[in-house]
Amino acid sequence: MQQDPTVDEQQVSRKSEVPEGASVRRRSTRRRGWTRRNARRVPTAQRVRTFFRFCRWMFRWGIWLVGLPVLFLSSRMLWDYFSHDSLFALRKVSHFRHHDITTQELLRAGGIRYGENLMLLDLKEVARRMKRHPQIRWVRLRRDLPDTLTVELRTHRPVALLVLDQVYLMSASGVPYKLASQSQRRWKMLRIRGIQKGEYVAHPKMYQRIFRHALALKEVYRQKRMSRYSQLREIRIDRVVGYVLKTKQTTIHLGYDRLPERLSALMKVYKLFGKRGMQKIRAVYLNLEQHLRRAVIKPYRNHPVARGPAARKRKQVVAIR
C-alpha cells in the first residue's frame, strides 16, 4: 500500500517542478485588510501608560469644559442677587460739608436718587455729570457697602468778582462758576469788568487766560507792597488802552505788555510823590508806547504837583529811571 507523501516531500516535489531560472514567490504571512493594524501585539505596560495619559488629558480639559459654565452660572446668580436685593439700595450719601453744596444738589447734579441699587450705578458716568456743576472742580466717588455712597470733591474758591451782564464769582483759574448773591456782591474783593457776556461765551478760553493775567497783576501788586499806598479794588480790561487798575483814589493805565516793568515804575511813582507829601493821585498813565520810561501823572486840584505853569495844567510828566 502506497503512503501519502509528507509535507516536506510535497514542498520538495513542488520545487522540483519549477523550471530552472524562474523566481519563486514566497507567500506572505502578514495579515491583510483591517486586521493588519493588530498584527503586532502591544505590551501591557505601554497600554497602561497610554490609558493614564488619556485620563490626564481628559482631566486637564474637563476642568475647563465643566468649570467655565459653572463659574459663569454662579457669577450670574451672584450678580442677580446683588443687583436686585434691597440690601444694596442707596440710603446715605457721605461727603465733607466744608462747602455750600447740599446733598440734594449733588444727587440732582449726578442724576441719581435714593433707593437706586448701589451696584448698578456707573460711578464714572455719575462723576462726569457731577463735574458739570459750576461749583465743582474735582470729584471722586466710592461705594461703601451696603448702602452708602461716599463723595470726595473739591470746589472752586472765589478770588474775584467778575462783572459781565451780572456779577459772578470767579475762581483762581479764571472761570466764572456761580452767580453772586446780594450778600456776596458786598464782599471786599477784587472786581474785574470790561468784558461782555456774549464775548466771553464766544471765546471762553481766551478770556479765561486774560482773567488769569488780571489776577496775576493783583498778586504782583500785593507782593510789591503797593497796597500800603492805595488798595487795589478793580481791574478793567479795555481793548484800546489795556489793563486799567482802579484803587480808592487813583486810576492806573498799564497797557497790555511789559506789565511787571510798569508796575515797578508805578512803585517808583508812589515813592516819589510820597516824598513830596502828596498821597492822592487822580490818574497815572504808564501806557506810553513812545516813551516807555515816562509816566503822566494827573493829580487832584487841591494837590498841585509843582509851582508855576505846571500847576495850572494839573498834569506832570515824570521821567522814571
C-alpha atoms as a PDB file:
ATOM      1  CA  MET A   1       0.000   0.000   0.000  1.00  0.00           C
ATOM      2  CA  GLN A   2       1.377   3.359  -1.077  1.00  0.00           C
ATOM      3  CA  GLN A   3       1.639   6.042   1.644  1.00  0.00           C
ATOM      4  CA  ASP A   4       0.737   9.695   1.172  1.00  0.00           C
ATOM      5  CA  PRO A   5       3.700  11.979   0.773  1.00  0.00           C
ATOM      6  CA  THR A   6       4.545  14.121   3.712  1.00  0.00           C
ATOM      7  CA  VAL A   7       4.509  17.884   3.697  1.00  0.00           C
ATOM      8  CA  ASP A   8       8.249  18.105   3.177  1.00  0.00           C
ATOM      9  CA  GLU A   9       8.092  15.768   0.279  1.00  0.00           C
ATOM     10  CA  GLN A  10       5.262  17.844  -1.254  1.00  0.00           C
ATOM     11  CA  GLN A  11       7.345  21.009  -0.982  1.00  0.00           C
ATOM     12  CA  VAL A  12      10.370  19.285  -2.496  1.00  0.00           C
ATOM     13  CA  SER A  13       8.247  17.974  -5.305  1.00  0.00           C
ATOM     14  CA  ARG A  14       6.880  21.430  -5.969  1.00  0.00           C
ATOM     15  CA  LYS A  15      10.335  22.905  -6.024  1.00  0.00           C
ATOM     16  CA  SER A  16      11.399  20.238  -8.441  1.00  0.00           C
ATOM     17  CA  GLU A  17       8.561  21.153 -10.718  1.00  0.00           C
ATOM     18  CA  VAL A  18       9.747  24.788 -11.037  1.00  0.00           C
ATOM     19  CA  PRO A  19      11.924  25.205 -14.045  1.00  0.00           C
ATOM     20  CA  GLU A  20      15.414  26.469 -13.720  1.00  0.00           C
ATOM     21  CA  GLY A  21      15.908  30.220 -13.863  1.00  0.00           C
ATOM     22  CA  ALA A  22      12.329  31.060 -12.706  1.00  0.00           C
ATOM     23  CA  SER A  23      11.848  33.080  -9.470  1.00  0.00           C
ATOM     24  CA  VAL A  24       9.905  31.577  -6.639  1.00  0.00           C
ATOM     25  CA  ARG A  25       7.328  33.845  -4.935  1.00  0.00           C
ATOM     26  CA  ARG A  26       7.072  33.296  -1.229  1.00  0.00           C
ATOM     27  CA  ARG A  27       3.664  33.513   0.370  1.00  0.00           C
ATOM     28  CA  SER A  28       3.448  36.336   2.895  1.00  0.00           C
ATOM     29  CA  THR A  29       2.410  35.521   6.429  1.00  0.00           C
ATOM     30  CA  ARG A  30       1.310  39.166   7.252  1.00  0.00           C
ATOM     31  CA  ARG A  31      -2.371  39.797   7.709  1.00  0.00           C
ATOM     32  CA  ARG A  32      -4.161  41.902   5.220  1.00  0.00           C
ATOM     33  CA  GLY A  33      -7.102  44.321   5.369  1.00  0.00           C
ATOM     34  CA  TRP A  34      -8.414  45.700   8.642  1.00  0.00           C
ATOM     35  CA  THR A  35      -6.680  43.043  10.651  1.00  0.00           C
ATOM     36  CA  ARG A  36      -3.281  44.375   9.593  1.00  0.00           C
ATOM     37  CA  ARG A  37      -3.166  47.010  12.424  1.00  0.00           C
ATOM     38  CA  ASN A  38      -3.445  44.328  15.050  1.00  0.00           C
ATOM     39  CA  ALA A  39      -0.652  42.282  13.607  1.00  0.00           C
ATOM     40  CA  ARG A  40       1.726  43.387  16.429  1.00  0.00           C
ATOM     41  CA  ARG A  41       0.654  42.836  19.984  1.00  0.00           C
ATOM     42  CA  VAL A  42       1.089  45.996  22.182  1.00  0.00           C
ATOM     43  CA  PRO A  43       2.784  45.357  25.511  1.00  0.00           C
ATOM     44  CA  THR A  44       0.636  45.710  28.619  1.00  0.00           C
ATOM     45  CA  ALA A  45       2.848  48.413  30.217  1.00  0.00           C
ATOM     46  CA  GLN A  46       2.550  50.623  27.159  1.00  0.00           C
ATOM     47  CA  ARG A  47      -1.213  50.224  27.092  1.00  0.00           C
ATOM     48  CA  VAL A  48      -1.373  51.242  30.760  1.00  0.00           C
ATOM     49  CA  ARG A  49       0.746  54.315  30.094  1.00  0.00           C
ATOM     50  CA  THR A  50      -1.441  55.291  27.164  1.00  0.00           C
ATOM     51  CA  PHE A  51      -4.580  54.908  29.260  1.00  0.00           C
ATOM     52  CA  PHE A  52      -3.272  57.114  32.063  1.00  0.00           C
ATOM     53  CA  ARG A  53      -2.061  59.713  29.546  1.00  0.00           C
ATOM     54  CA  PHE A  54      -5.543  59.866  28.043  1.00  0.00           C
ATOM     55  CA  CYS A  55      -7.123  60.197  31.502  1.00  0.00           C
ATOM     56  CA  ARG A  56      -4.750  63.038  32.356  1.00  0.00           C
ATOM     57  CA  TRP A  57      -5.623  64.851  29.125  1.00  0.00           C
ATOM     58  CA  MET A  58      -9.356  64.418  29.785  1.00  0.00           C
ATOM     59  CA  PHE A  59      -8.965  65.712  33.339  1.00  0.00           C
ATOM     60  CA  ARG A  60      -6.998  68.761  32.210  1.00  0.00           C
ATOM     61  CA  TRP A  61      -9.521  69.874  29.593  1.00  0.00           C
ATOM     62  CA  GLY A  62     -12.527  68.616  31.510  1.00  0.00           C
ATOM     63  CA  ILE A  63     -11.889  71.143  34.292  1.00  0.00           C
ATOM     64  CA  TRP A  64     -12.220  73.979  31.785  1.00  0.00           C
ATOM     65  CA  LEU A  65     -15.149  72.445  29.969  1.00  0.00           C
ATOM     66  CA  VAL A  66     -17.061  71.968  33.208  1.00  0.00           C
ATOM     67  CA  GLY A  67     -15.624  74.792  35.341  1.00  0.00           C
ATOM     68  CA  LEU A  68     -16.256  77.671  32.954  1.00  0.00           C
ATOM     69  CA  PRO A  69     -20.028  77.107  32.665  1.00  0.00           C
ATOM     70  CA  VAL A  70     -20.253  76.586  36.437  1.00  0.00           C
ATOM     71  CA  LEU A  71     -18.298  79.781  37.080  1.00  0.00           C
ATOM     72  CA  PHE A  72     -20.441  81.745  34.648  1.00  0.00           C
ATOM     73  CA  LEU A  73     -23.701  80.489  36.151  1.00  0.00           C
ATOM     74  CA  SER A  74     -22.557  81.135  39.731  1.00  0.00           C
ATOM     75  CA  SER A  75     -21.372  84.671  38.901  1.00  0.00           C
ATOM     76  CA  ARG A  76     -24.656  85.326  37.127  1.00  0.00           C
ATOM     77  CA  MET A  77     -26.600  84.188  40.165  1.00  0.00           C
ATOM     78  CA  LEU A  78     -24.491  86.378  42.461  1.00  0.00           C
ATOM     79  CA  TRP A  79     -24.955  89.411  40.200  1.00  0.00           C
ATOM     80  CA  ASP A  80     -28.724  88.901  40.127  1.00  0.00           C
ATOM     81  CA  TYR A  81     -28.698  88.730  43.898  1.00  0.00           C
ATOM     82  CA  PHE A  82     -26.619  91.905  44.365  1.00  0.00           C
ATOM     83  CA  SER A  83     -28.446  93.907  41.713  1.00  0.00           C
ATOM     84  CA  HIS A  84     -31.987  93.159  42.883  1.00  0.00           C
ATOM     85  CA  ASP A  85     -31.635  92.867  46.635  1.00  0.00           C
ATOM     86  CA  SER A  86     -32.957  95.815  48.641  1.00  0.00           C
ATOM     87  CA  LEU A  87     -29.987  95.493  50.998  1.00  0.00           C
ATOM     88  CA  PHE A  88     -27.851  97.431  48.489  1.00  0.00           C
ATOM     89  CA  ALA A  89     -30.306 100.273  47.897  1.00  0.00           C
ATOM     90  CA  LEU A  90     -28.845 103.774  48.243  1.00  0.00           C
ATOM     91  CA  ARG A  91     -29.834 105.249  51.594  1.00  0.00           C
ATOM     92  CA  LYS A  92     -26.969 107.571  52.531  1.00  0.00           C
ATOM     93  CA  VAL A  93     -24.628 109.972  50.736  1.00  0.00           C
ATOM     94  CA  SER A  94     -21.498 110.862  52.683  1.00  0.00           C
ATOM     95  CA  HIS A  95     -19.439 113.928  51.752  1.00  0.00           C
ATOM     96  CA  PHE A  96     -17.414 116.600  53.508  1.00  0.00           C
ATOM     97  CA  ARG A  97     -19.514 119.676  54.244  1.00  0.00           C
ATOM     98  CA  HIS A  98     -16.791 122.322  54.045  1.00  0.00           C
ATOM     99  CA  HIS A  99     -18.601 123.843  51.072  1.00  0.00           C
ATOM    100  CA  ASP A 100     -22.080 125.166  50.488  1.00  0.00           C
ATOM    101  CA  ILE A 101     -23.222 122.343  48.168  1.00  0.00           C
ATOM    102  CA  THR A 102     -26.050 120.352  49.714  1.00  0.00           C
ATOM    103  CA  THR A 103     -26.686 116.630  49.342  1.00  0.00           C
ATOM    104  CA  GLN A 104     -29.767 117.258  47.214  1.00  0.00           C
ATOM    105  CA  GLU A 105     -27.708 119.359  44.806  1.00  0.00           C
ATOM    106  CA  LEU A 106     -25.174 116.538  44.498  1.00  0.00           C
ATOM    107  CA  LEU A 107     -27.882 113.973  43.783  1.00  0.00           C
ATOM    108  CA  ARG A 108     -29.524 116.278  41.271  1.00  0.00           C
ATOM    109  CA  ALA A 109     -26.216 117.002  39.544  1.00  0.00           C
ATOM    110  CA  GLY A 110     -25.326 113.299  39.369  1.00  0.00           C
ATOM    111  CA  GLY A 111     -28.773 112.236  38.157  1.00  0.00           C
ATOM    112  CA  ILE A 112     -29.326 109.708  40.959  1.00  0.00           C
ATOM    113  CA  ARG A 113     -31.869 109.365  43.752  1.00  0.00           C
ATOM    114  CA  TYR A 114     -32.336 107.485  46.973  1.00  0.00           C
ATOM    115  CA  GLY A 115     -33.447 103.869  46.612  1.00  0.00           C
ATOM    116  CA  GLU A 116     -31.425 103.066  43.500  1.00  0.00           C
ATOM    117  CA  ASN A 117     -29.301  99.941  43.642  1.00  0.00           C
ATOM    118  CA  LEU A 118     -25.745 100.867  44.524  1.00  0.00           C
ATOM    119  CA  MET A 119     -24.245  98.062  42.426  1.00  0.00           C
ATOM    120  CA  LEU A 120     -25.975  99.241  39.259  1.00  0.00           C
ATOM    121  CA  LEU A 121     -24.568 102.779  39.439  1.00  0.00           C
ATOM    122  CA  ASP A 122     -21.916 103.708  36.877  1.00  0.00           C
ATOM    123  CA  LEU A 123     -19.655 105.798  39.100  1.00  0.00           C
ATOM    124  CA  LYS A 124     -17.626 107.230  36.219  1.00  0.00           C
ATOM    125  CA  GLU A 125     -20.746 108.488  34.483  1.00  0.00           C
ATOM    126  CA  VAL A 126     -22.170 109.904  37.735  1.00  0.00           C
ATOM    127  CA  ALA A 127     -18.855 111.695  38.432  1.00  0.00           C
ATOM    128  CA  ARG A 128     -18.804 113.102  34.898  1.00  0.00           C
ATOM    129  CA  ARG A 129     -22.312 114.532  35.374  1.00  0.00           C
ATOM    130  CA  MET A 130     -21.366 115.987  38.757  1.00  0.00           C
ATOM    131  CA  LYS A 131     -18.430 117.828  37.198  1.00  0.00           C
ATOM    132  CA  ARG A 132     -20.903 119.812  35.112  1.00  0.00           C
ATOM    133  CA  HIS A 133     -21.961 121.580  38.289  1.00  0.00           C
ATOM    134  CA  PRO A 134     -20.377 125.049  38.035  1.00  0.00           C
ATOM    135  CA  GLN A 135     -19.072 124.983  41.580  1.00  0.00           C
ATOM    136  CA  ILE A 136     -17.438 121.526  41.491  1.00  0.00           C
ATOM    137  CA  ARG A 137     -13.829 121.422  40.316  1.00  0.00           C
ATOM    138  CA  TRP A 138     -12.906 117.789  41.106  1.00  0.00           C
ATOM    139  CA  VAL A 139     -14.940 114.784  42.288  1.00  0.00           C
ATOM    140  CA  ARG A 140     -14.361 111.118  43.102  1.00  0.00           C
ATOM    141  CA  LEU A 141     -16.985 108.527  44.106  1.00  0.00           C
ATOM    142  CA  ARG A 142     -16.674 105.337  46.163  1.00  0.00           C
ATOM    143  CA  ARG A 143     -19.127 102.620  47.187  1.00  0.00           C
ATOM    144  CA  ASP A 144     -19.254 101.838  50.908  1.00  0.00           C
ATOM    145  CA  LEU A 145     -21.392  98.726  51.018  1.00  0.00           C
ATOM    146  CA  PRO A 146     -24.084  98.002  51.686  1.00  0.00           C
ATOM    147  CA  ASP A 147     -25.966 101.307  51.274  1.00  0.00           C
ATOM    148  CA  THR A 148     -23.587 104.322  51.342  1.00  0.00           C
ATOM    149  CA  LEU A 149     -22.122 106.405  48.514  1.00  0.00           C
ATOM    150  CA  THR A 150     -19.052 108.426  49.533  1.00  0.00           C
ATOM    151  CA  VAL A 151     -18.355 111.606  47.552  1.00  0.00           C
ATOM    152  CA  GLU A 152     -14.974 113.341  47.681  1.00  0.00           C
ATOM    153  CA  LEU A 153     -14.994 116.695  45.899  1.00  0.00           C
ATOM    154  CA  ARG A 154     -13.180 119.979  45.615  1.00  0.00           C
ATOM    155  CA  THR A 155     -14.983 123.184  44.842  1.00  0.00           C
ATOM    156  CA  HIS A 156     -13.919 126.452  43.290  1.00  0.00           C
ATOM    157  CA  ARG A 157     -12.912 129.167  45.742  1.00  0.00           C
ATOM    158  CA  PRO A 158     -13.837 132.735  44.820  1.00  0.00           C
ATOM    159  CA  VAL A 159     -10.878 135.049  44.399  1.00  0.00           C
ATOM    160  CA  ALA A 160     -12.587 137.863  42.498  1.00  0.00           C
ATOM    161  CA  LEU A 161     -15.964 139.161  41.339  1.00  0.00           C
ATOM    162  CA  LEU A 162     -16.418 139.166  37.579  1.00  0.00           C
ATOM    163  CA  VAL A 163     -18.870 141.692  36.150  1.00  0.00           C
ATOM    164  CA  LEU A 164     -20.419 140.528  32.862  1.00  0.00           C
ATOM    165  CA  ASP A 165     -24.138 141.135  32.446  1.00  0.00           C
ATOM    166  CA  GLN A 166     -24.354 140.273  36.152  1.00  0.00           C
ATOM    167  CA  VAL A 167     -21.877 139.721  38.965  1.00  0.00           C
ATOM    168  CA  TYR A 168     -20.280 136.259  39.081  1.00  0.00           C
ATOM    169  CA  LEU A 169     -17.883 134.550  41.460  1.00  0.00           C
ATOM    170  CA  MET A 170     -14.606 133.736  39.714  1.00  0.00           C
ATOM    171  CA  SER A 171     -12.079 131.057  40.668  1.00  0.00           C
ATOM    172  CA  ALA A 172      -8.284 131.229  40.539  1.00  0.00           C
ATOM    173  CA  SER A 173      -8.312 129.510  37.135  1.00  0.00           C
ATOM    174  CA  GLY A 174     -10.284 132.400  35.643  1.00  0.00           C
ATOM    175  CA  VAL A 175     -13.608 130.545  35.433  1.00  0.00           C
ATOM    176  CA  PRO A 176     -16.827 132.318  36.489  1.00  0.00           C
ATOM    177  CA  TYR A 177     -18.662 129.441  38.140  1.00  0.00           C
ATOM    178  CA  LYS A 178     -21.587 130.908  40.072  1.00  0.00           C
ATOM    179  CA  LEU A 179     -23.890 133.910  40.119  1.00  0.00           C
ATOM    180  CA  ALA A 180     -23.098 136.058  43.152  1.00  0.00           C
ATOM    181  CA  SER A 181     -25.837 136.639  45.696  1.00  0.00           C
ATOM    182  CA  GLN A 182     -26.725 140.016  47.145  1.00  0.00           C
ATOM    183  CA  SER A 183     -24.562 139.450  50.213  1.00  0.00           C
ATOM    184  CA  GLN A 184     -21.638 138.187  48.112  1.00  0.00           C
ATOM    185  CA  ARG A 185     -21.744 141.293  45.934  1.00  0.00           C
ATOM    186  CA  ARG A 186     -20.870 143.358  49.006  1.00  0.00           C
ATOM    187  CA  TRP A 187     -17.672 141.407  49.625  1.00  0.00           C
ATOM    188  CA  LYS A 188     -14.499 143.469  49.691  1.00  0.00           C
ATOM    189  CA  MET A 189     -12.998 141.554  46.818  1.00  0.00           C
ATOM    190  CA  LEU A 190     -11.305 142.490  43.567  1.00  0.00           C
ATOM    191  CA  ARG A 191     -13.724 143.232  40.739  1.00  0.00           C
ATOM    192  CA  ILE A 192     -12.904 142.551  37.096  1.00  0.00           C
ATOM    193  CA  ARG A 193     -15.009 144.249  34.461  1.00  0.00           C
ATOM    194  CA  GLY A 194     -14.911 145.413  30.856  1.00  0.00           C
ATOM    195  CA  ILE A 195     -15.986 142.170  29.099  1.00  0.00           C
ATOM    196  CA  GLN A 196     -19.469 141.496  27.794  1.00  0.00           C
ATOM    197  CA  LYS A 197     -21.144 138.153  28.367  1.00  0.00           C
ATOM    198  CA  GLY A 198     -21.551 137.465  24.651  1.00  0.00           C
ATOM    199  CA  GLU A 199     -17.824 137.948  24.096  1.00  0.00           C
ATOM    200  CA  TYR A 200     -16.987 135.563  26.907  1.00  0.00           C
ATOM    201  CA  VAL A 201     -19.410 132.894  25.658  1.00  0.00           C
ATOM    202  CA  ALA A 202     -17.914 133.141  22.150  1.00  0.00           C
ATOM    203  CA  HIS A 203     -14.280 132.821  23.317  1.00  0.00           C
ATOM    204  CA  PRO A 204     -14.180 131.408  26.872  1.00  0.00           C
ATOM    205  CA  LYS A 205     -10.614 130.038  26.753  1.00  0.00           C
ATOM    206  CA  MET A 206      -9.126 133.314  25.565  1.00  0.00           C
ATOM    207  CA  TYR A 207     -10.891 135.416  28.183  1.00  0.00           C
ATOM    208  CA  GLN A 208     -10.073 132.947  30.954  1.00  0.00           C
ATOM    209  CA  ARG A 209      -6.408 133.489  30.103  1.00  0.00           C
ATOM    210  CA  ILE A 210      -6.949 137.263  30.240  1.00  0.00           C
ATOM    211  CA  PHE A 211      -8.665 136.927  33.620  1.00  0.00           C
ATOM    212  CA  ARG A 212      -5.715 134.922  34.943  1.00  0.00           C
ATOM    213  CA  HIS A 213      -3.394 137.712  33.801  1.00  0.00           C
ATOM    214  CA  ALA A 214      -5.530 140.168  35.745  1.00  0.00           C
ATOM    215  CA  LEU A 215      -5.266 138.001  38.865  1.00  0.00           C
ATOM    216  CA  ALA A 216      -1.512 137.823  38.360  1.00  0.00           C
ATOM    217  CA  LEU A 217      -1.438 141.648  38.284  1.00  0.00           C
ATOM    218  CA  LYS A 218      -3.217 141.694  41.595  1.00  0.00           C
ATOM    219  CA  GLU A 219      -0.656 139.286  43.071  1.00  0.00           C
ATOM    220  CA  VAL A 220       2.305 141.333  41.813  1.00  0.00           C
ATOM    221  CA  TYR A 221       0.647 144.487  43.172  1.00  0.00           C
ATOM    222  CA  ARG A 222       0.417 142.801  46.568  1.00  0.00           C
ATOM    223  CA  GLN A 223       3.958 141.393  46.506  1.00  0.00           C
ATOM    224  CA  LYS A 224       5.436 144.804  45.769  1.00  0.00           C
ATOM    225  CA  ARG A 225       3.588 146.087  48.848  1.00  0.00           C
ATOM    226  CA  MET A 226       1.841 148.850  46.951  1.00  0.00           C
ATOM    227  CA  SER A 227      -1.323 148.242  48.946  1.00  0.00           C
ATOM    228  CA  ARG A 228       0.094 150.430  51.698  1.00  0.00           C
ATOM    229  CA  TYR A 229      -0.178 153.390  49.333  1.00  0.00           C
ATOM    230  CA  SER A 230      -3.536 152.544  47.778  1.00  0.00           C
ATOM    231  CA  GLN A 231      -5.660 149.363  47.982  1.00  0.00           C
ATOM    232  CA  LEU A 232      -6.439 147.755  44.616  1.00  0.00           C
ATOM    233  CA  ARG A 233     -10.179 147.421  44.137  1.00  0.00           C
ATOM    234  CA  GLU A 234     -10.914 146.940  40.459  1.00  0.00           C
ATOM    235  CA  ILE A 235      -9.259 145.899  37.188  1.00  0.00           C
ATOM    236  CA  ARG A 236     -10.911 146.969  33.963  1.00  0.00           C
ATOM    237  CA  ILE A 237      -9.963 145.285  30.708  1.00  0.00           C
ATOM    238  CA  ASP A 238     -10.108 147.702  27.790  1.00  0.00           C
ATOM    239  CA  ARG A 239      -9.472 146.711  24.184  1.00  0.00           C
ATOM    240  CA  VAL A 240      -7.739 150.002  23.405  1.00  0.00           C
ATOM    241  CA  VAL A 241      -5.782 151.014  26.498  1.00  0.00           C
ATOM    242  CA  GLY A 242      -5.299 147.524  28.001  1.00  0.00           C
ATOM    243  CA  TYR A 243      -5.452 146.876  31.742  1.00  0.00           C
ATOM    244  CA  VAL A 244      -6.744 149.712  33.884  1.00  0.00           C
ATOM    245  CA  LEU A 245      -6.277 149.396  37.637  1.00  0.00           C
ATOM    246  CA  LYS A 246      -8.512 151.321  39.992  1.00  0.00           C
ATOM    247  CA  THR A 247      -7.886 151.997  43.631  1.00  0.00           C
ATOM    248  CA  LYS A 248      -9.903 154.077  46.018  1.00  0.00           C
ATOM    249  CA  GLN A 249      -8.334 157.306  44.726  1.00  0.00           C
ATOM    250  CA  THR A 250      -6.246 156.511  41.625  1.00  0.00           C
ATOM    251  CA  THR A 251      -6.816 155.166  38.123  1.00  0.00           C
ATOM    252  CA  ILE A 252      -3.726 153.460  36.686  1.00  0.00           C
ATOM    253  CA  HIS A 253      -3.400 152.807  32.939  1.00  0.00           C
ATOM    254  CA  LEU A 254      -0.931 149.978  32.392  1.00  0.00           C
ATOM    255  CA  GLY A 255      -1.449 148.821  28.816  1.00  0.00           C
ATOM    256  CA  TYR A 256      -1.058 145.257  27.557  1.00  0.00           C
ATOM    257  CA  ASP A 257       2.666 144.454  27.547  1.00  0.00           C
ATOM    258  CA  ARG A 258       5.577 144.764  29.976  1.00  0.00           C
ATOM    259  CA  LEU A 259       3.246 144.722  32.921  1.00  0.00           C
ATOM    260  CA  PRO A 260       5.819 143.803  35.631  1.00  0.00           C
ATOM    261  CA  GLU A 261       8.090 146.643  34.483  1.00  0.00           C
ATOM    262  CA  ARG A 262       5.225 149.109  34.527  1.00  0.00           C
ATOM    263  CA  LEU A 263       4.187 148.023  37.999  1.00  0.00           C
ATOM    264  CA  SER A 264       7.758 148.627  39.134  1.00  0.00           C
ATOM    265  CA  ALA A 265       7.505 152.086  37.573  1.00  0.00           C
ATOM    266  CA  LEU A 266       4.249 152.626  39.461  1.00  0.00           C
ATOM    267  CA  MET A 267       6.045 151.776  42.701  1.00  0.00           C
ATOM    268  CA  LYS A 268       8.641 154.460  41.918  1.00  0.00           C
ATOM    269  CA  VAL A 269       5.850 156.967  41.260  1.00  0.00           C
ATOM    270  CA  TYR A 270       4.278 156.196  44.635  1.00  0.00           C
ATOM    271  CA  LYS A 271       7.608 156.644  46.405  1.00  0.00           C
ATOM    272  CA  LEU A 272       8.416 159.863  44.535  1.00  0.00           C
ATOM    273  CA  PHE A 273       5.127 161.562  45.297  1.00  0.00           C
ATOM    274  CA  GLY A 274       5.137 160.216  48.824  1.00  0.00           C
ATOM    275  CA  LYS A 275       8.365 162.117  49.421  1.00  0.00           C
ATOM    276  CA  ARG A 276       6.736 165.270  48.078  1.00  0.00           C
ATOM    277  CA  GLY A 277       3.960 164.896  50.629  1.00  0.00           C
ATOM    278  CA  MET A 278       1.239 164.151  48.090  1.00  0.00           C
ATOM    279  CA  GLN A 279      -0.703 160.986  48.822  1.00  0.00           C
ATOM    280  CA  LYS A 280      -3.636 161.430  46.444  1.00  0.00           C
ATOM    281  CA  ILE A 281      -3.177 160.951  42.716  1.00  0.00           C
ATOM    282  CA  ARG A 282      -6.110 161.051  40.355  1.00  0.00           C
ATOM    283  CA  ALA A 283      -4.609 159.117  37.422  1.00  0.00           C
ATOM    284  CA  VAL A 284      -1.305 157.591  36.336  1.00  0.00           C
ATOM    285  CA  TYR A 285      -0.638 156.873  32.648  1.00  0.00           C
ATOM    286  CA  LEU A 286       2.065 154.260  32.161  1.00  0.00           C
ATOM    287  CA  ASN A 287       0.921 153.069  28.719  1.00  0.00           C
ATOM    288  CA  LEU A 288       3.030 155.497  26.716  1.00  0.00           C
ATOM    289  CA  GLU A 289       4.261 153.483  23.758  1.00  0.00           C
ATOM    290  CA  GLN A 290       6.788 156.055  22.530  1.00  0.00           C
ATOM    291  CA  HIS A 291       8.120 156.941  25.968  1.00  0.00           C
ATOM    292  CA  LEU A 292       8.364 153.746  27.977  1.00  0.00           C
ATOM    293  CA  ARG A 293      10.384 155.348  30.775  1.00  0.00           C
ATOM    294  CA  ARG A 294       7.924 158.169  31.342  1.00  0.00           C
ATOM    295  CA  ALA A 295       4.679 158.440  33.259  1.00  0.00           C
ATOM    296  CA  VAL A 296       1.949 161.042  33.048  1.00  0.00           C
ATOM    297  CA  ILE A 297       0.531 161.985  36.442  1.00  0.00           C
ATOM    298  CA  LYS A 298      -2.815 163.691  36.869  1.00  0.00           C
ATOM    299  CA  PRO A 299      -3.305 164.942  40.443  1.00  0.00           C
ATOM    300  CA  TYR A 300      -6.352 166.289  42.208  1.00  0.00           C
ATOM    301  CA  ARG A 301      -6.958 170.037  42.096  1.00  0.00           C
ATOM    302  CA  ASN A 302      -6.226 170.684  45.733  1.00  0.00           C
ATOM    303  CA  HIS A 303      -2.894 168.850  45.470  1.00  0.00           C
ATOM    304  CA  PRO A 304      -0.682 170.732  42.977  1.00  0.00           C
ATOM    305  CA  VAL A 305       2.363 168.816  41.893  1.00  0.00           C
ATOM    306  CA  ALA A 306       4.599 171.770  41.038  1.00  0.00           C
ATOM    307  CA  ARG A 307       4.540 175.504  41.268  1.00  0.00           C
ATOM    308  CA  GLY A 308       4.206 177.900  38.376  1.00  0.00           C
ATOM    309  CA  PRO A 309       2.895 176.950  34.939  1.00  0.00           C
ATOM    310  CA  ALA A 310       2.871 173.206  35.694  1.00  0.00           C
ATOM    311  CA  ALA A 311       0.378 173.776  38.483  1.00  0.00           C
ATOM    312  CA  ARG A 312      -2.131 175.298  36.067  1.00  0.00           C
ATOM    313  CA  LYS A 313      -2.126 172.329  33.775  1.00  0.00           C
ATOM    314  CA  ARG A 314      -2.707 169.981  36.698  1.00  0.00           C
ATOM    315  CA  LYS A 315      -0.658 167.335  34.917  1.00  0.00           C
ATOM    316  CA  GLN A 316       3.015 166.430  35.064  1.00  0.00           C
ATOM    317  CA  VAL A 317       5.267 164.142  33.049  1.00  0.00           C
ATOM    318  CA  VAL A 318       7.731 162.327  35.286  1.00  0.00           C
ATOM    319  CA  ALA A 319      10.820 160.549  33.971  1.00  0.00           C
ATOM    320  CA  ILE A 320      11.254 157.191  35.673  1.00  0.00           C
ATOM    321  CA  ARG A 321      14.830 155.983  35.984  1.00  0.00           C
END
